[in-house]
Amino acid sequence: MEPLHTTVLAVHRDAEHQFSKETVPSIVLEAGLGVAGDAHHGRTVQHRSRAKADPDQPNLRQVHLIAASLLDHLLKQDFVVAAGELGENITLQSAPGLSWRDLIALPRGTQLHFTQGAVVELTGLRNPCIQMDRFQRGLMAAMLDKDASGNLVRKTGVMGIVLAGGTVAGGDAVQVRLPALPHQAMECV
């Protein structure tokens, strides 16, 4: 199998728990913690509703990634969404690279190796929430679909943990390394 690779389109962070994140020139990933200066940075869960339910659970949502083709997909449905506005930390190029469908289909445990040394391990899918409709009416429904077998498809990207720290910036190359077989499909985290 040919190695999978892509490129970083843009990176984003926000110190507050807001829906969208500010696009910045670079972000620093810290091993076991996430994006320095981001509201979701920490060893334990930082997502407000999840922390309220159990503040001691591990943070499997340290980094949120989407593929840029998702923005194009939404534009075809009359939603205008720019990189960072869905709350992702890293927006990946789709061509050449991974489409939004390719990204959410990767198995749990896939590692993304970034040019400057950072490594993110994918832990699961992001579940769309009602904040999407507050951002743009009808967006939450546009982020859900059914596959040919009738299974729910969540288009909102993937979540990961930081295995190795480093800087990530727009234009950085990303090598995708699949885990050992048997592969396990990602579920919501």
Protein backbone atom coordinates (compact mmCIF):
# COMPACT_ATOMS: atom_id res chain seq x y z
CA MET A 1 0.00 0.00 0.00
CA GLU A 2 1.26 3.46 -0.90
CA PRO A 3 2.02 5.62 2.17
CA LEU A 4 -0.71 8.10 3.05
CA HIS A 5 0.29 11.71 3.37
CA THR A 6 -1.19 15.17 3.40
CA THR A 7 -0.27 18.75 4.26
CA VAL A 8 -1.46 21.15 6.94
CA LEU A 9 -3.64 23.90 5.44
CA ALA A 10 -3.99 25.96 8.64
CA VAL A 11 -3.79 25.73 12.43
CA HIS A 12 -6.04 27.23 15.10
CA ARG A 13 -6.36 27.68 18.85
CA ASP A 14 -8.49 29.54 21.36
CA ALA A 15 -7.96 29.89 25.10
CA GLU A 16 -11.71 30.23 25.70
CA HIS A 17 -14.43 27.63 25.21
CA GLN A 18 -15.80 29.25 22.07
CA PHE A 19 -17.15 27.36 19.07
CA SER A 20 -14.67 28.72 16.51
CA LYS A 21 -10.90 29.02 16.92
CA GLU A 22 -8.55 31.75 15.74
CA THR A 23 -6.24 30.93 12.85
CA VAL A 24 -2.61 31.42 13.91
CA PRO A 25 0.74 30.96 12.12
CA SER A 26 1.66 27.93 14.24
CA ILE A 27 0.61 25.92 17.28
CA VAL A 28 2.69 23.99 19.79
CA LEU A 29 1.57 20.47 20.62
CA GLU A 30 2.59 19.22 24.07
CA ALA A 31 2.85 15.47 24.69
CA GLY A 32 -0.04 14.16 26.77
CA LEU A 33 -1.67 17.61 26.97
CA GLY A 34 -2.67 18.94 23.57
CA VAL A 35 -2.40 22.40 22.02
CA ALA A 36 -0.61 24.94 24.23
CA GLY A 37 -2.88 27.91 24.88
CA ASP A 38 -6.06 26.09 23.83
CA ALA A 39 -9.10 25.61 26.08
CA HIS A 40 -8.96 21.81 25.56
CA HIS A 41 -5.33 21.52 26.76
CA GLY A 42 -4.91 19.07 29.63
CA ARG A 43 -4.42 15.45 30.71
CA THR A 44 -8.04 15.14 31.83
CA VAL A 45 -11.09 15.99 29.75
CA GLN A 46 -11.59 19.73 29.15
CA HIS A 47 -14.83 19.60 27.15
CA ARG A 48 -17.26 21.31 29.52
CA SER A 49 -20.16 18.83 29.42
CA ARG A 50 -17.85 15.82 29.64
CA ALA A 51 -15.84 17.36 32.48
CA LYS A 52 -19.07 18.07 34.35
CA ALA A 53 -20.04 14.38 34.08
CA ASP A 54 -16.58 13.06 35.09
CA PRO A 55 -13.70 15.55 35.46
CA ASP A 56 -11.15 12.75 36.00
CA GLN A 57 -11.62 10.94 32.67
CA PRO A 58 -8.63 11.05 30.32
CA ASN A 59 -8.59 13.72 27.65
CA LEU A 60 -8.99 11.85 24.36
CA ARG A 61 -9.89 15.15 22.65
CA GLN A 62 -6.59 17.04 22.92
CA VAL A 63 -6.47 17.87 19.20
CA HIS A 64 -9.36 18.23 16.72
CA LEU A 65 -8.62 17.75 13.01
CA ILE A 66 -10.73 18.12 9.89
CA ALA A 67 -10.01 17.87 6.16
CA ALA A 68 -10.51 21.01 4.08
CA SER A 69 -12.78 19.13 1.66
CA LEU A 70 -15.42 19.19 4.40
CA LEU A 71 -15.61 22.97 3.98
CA ASP A 72 -16.15 22.52 0.22
CA HIS A 73 -18.77 19.83 0.91
CA LEU A 74 -20.63 22.25 3.19
CA LEU A 75 -20.40 25.07 0.62
CA LYS A 76 -22.29 22.85 -1.85
CA GLN A 77 -25.06 22.75 0.79
CA ASP A 78 -25.03 26.58 1.07
CA PHE A 79 -23.03 26.77 4.31
CA VAL A 80 -20.06 29.13 4.23
CA VAL A 81 -17.51 27.88 6.76
CA ALA A 82 -13.86 28.90 6.89
CA ALA A 83 -10.96 26.93 8.34
CA GLY A 84 -11.04 27.09 12.16
CA GLU A 85 -14.70 27.99 12.36
CA LEU A 86 -15.74 24.42 13.24
CA GLY A 87 -13.45 24.52 16.27
CA GLU A 88 -10.68 22.39 14.82
CA ASN A 89 -7.04 22.86 15.77
CA ILE A 90 -5.65 21.53 12.49
CA THR A 91 -7.20 21.79 9.03
CA LEU A 92 -5.62 19.30 6.64
CA GLN A 93 -5.32 19.75 2.87
CA SER A 94 -7.57 17.42 0.96
CA ALA A 95 -5.85 17.29 -2.43
CA PRO A 96 -3.33 15.91 -2.55
CA GLY A 97 -4.03 14.22 0.71
CA LEU A 98 -7.02 13.04 2.66
CA SER A 99 -10.64 13.90 1.94
CA TRP A 100 -13.03 14.34 4.86
CA ARG A 101 -14.35 10.85 4.10
CA ASP A 102 -10.82 9.38 4.16
CA LEU A 103 -10.03 11.11 7.46
CA ILE A 104 -13.07 9.87 9.38
CA ALA A 105 -12.57 6.35 7.95
CA LEU A 106 -9.05 5.98 9.39
CA PRO A 107 -8.81 3.36 12.14
CA ARG A 108 -8.42 4.21 15.81
CA GLY A 109 -4.72 4.39 16.70
CA THR A 110 -3.65 5.91 13.37
CA GLN A 111 -0.68 8.21 13.92
CA LEU A 112 -0.13 11.51 12.14
CA HIS A 113 3.57 12.44 12.01
CA PHE A 114 4.16 16.15 11.38
CA THR A 115 7.27 17.67 9.74
CA GLN A 116 8.57 19.33 12.91
CA GLY A 117 8.35 16.19 15.07
CA ALA A 118 4.87 16.26 16.59
CA VAL A 119 2.87 13.02 16.56
CA VAL A 120 -0.91 12.83 17.08
CA GLU A 121 -2.68 9.50 17.61
CA LEU A 122 -6.31 9.40 16.52
CA THR A 123 -8.68 8.38 19.32
CA GLY A 124 -12.12 8.83 17.79
CA LEU A 125 -14.71 10.91 15.99
CA ARG A 126 -16.05 14.28 17.00
CA ASN A 127 -19.75 14.17 17.67
CA PRO A 128 -21.63 17.16 16.21
CA CYS A 129 -23.43 19.24 18.81
CA ILE A 130 -26.15 21.89 18.99
CA GLN A 131 -23.52 24.66 18.95
CA MET A 132 -23.29 24.04 15.21
CA ASP A 133 -26.86 25.27 14.76
CA ARG A 134 -26.06 28.33 16.85
CA PHE A 135 -23.17 29.02 14.47
CA GLN A 136 -25.28 28.45 11.32
CA ARG A 137 -28.85 27.21 11.37
CA GLY A 138 -29.15 23.67 9.98
CA LEU A 139 -25.41 22.96 10.16
CA MET A 140 -25.75 20.13 12.66
CA ALA A 141 -28.05 18.16 10.35
CA ALA A 142 -25.63 18.78 7.45
CA MET A 143 -22.88 17.18 9.54
CA LEU A 144 -24.80 13.91 9.89
CA ASP A 145 -25.55 11.39 7.18
CA LYS A 146 -26.21 7.66 6.67
CA ASP A 147 -23.98 5.26 4.77
CA ALA A 148 -25.23 2.59 2.35
CA SER A 149 -25.87 0.24 5.30
CA GLY A 150 -27.87 2.84 7.22
CA ASN A 151 -25.12 3.57 9.76
CA LEU A 152 -24.79 7.11 11.09
CA VAL A 153 -21.89 9.08 9.57
CA ARG A 154 -20.47 11.96 11.58
CA LYS A 155 -18.62 14.36 9.28
CA THR A 156 -17.20 16.65 11.99
CA GLY A 157 -13.64 15.37 11.95
CA VAL A 158 -11.47 13.36 14.27
CA MET A 159 -9.94 13.76 17.71
CA GLY A 160 -6.51 12.75 18.90
CA ILE A 161 -3.95 12.79 21.67
CA VAL A 162 -0.42 14.14 21.42
CA LEU A 163 2.22 11.39 21.64
CA ALA A 164 5.20 13.61 20.79
CA GLY A 165 5.30 17.37 21.08
CA GLY A 166 6.39 19.89 18.49
CA THR A 167 5.34 22.87 16.44
CA VAL A 168 2.75 22.51 13.66
CA ALA A 169 2.26 25.20 11.00
CA GLY A 170 0.47 25.66 7.72
CA GLY A 171 2.37 23.96 4.90
CA ASP A 172 3.84 21.24 7.12
CA ALA A 173 3.85 17.75 5.63
CA VAL A 174 1.99 14.99 7.47
CA GLN A 175 2.70 11.28 7.14
CA VAL A 176 -0.20 9.00 8.07
CA ARG A 177 0.79 5.69 9.72
CA LEU A 178 -1.88 3.06 10.20
CA PRO A 179 -1.86 0.88 13.32
CA ALA A 180 -1.22 -2.85 13.24
CA LEU A 181 -4.03 -5.11 12.09
CA PRO A 182 -6.75 -5.79 12.98
CA HIS A 183 -7.98 -2.22 12.58
CA GLN A 184 -10.71 -0.85 14.83
CA ALA A 185 -13.16 1.74 13.55
CA MET A 186 -13.23 5.04 15.41
CA GLU A 187 -16.23 5.84 17.56
CA CYS A 188 -17.24 9.12 19.19
CA VAL A 189 -15.03 10.30 22.02
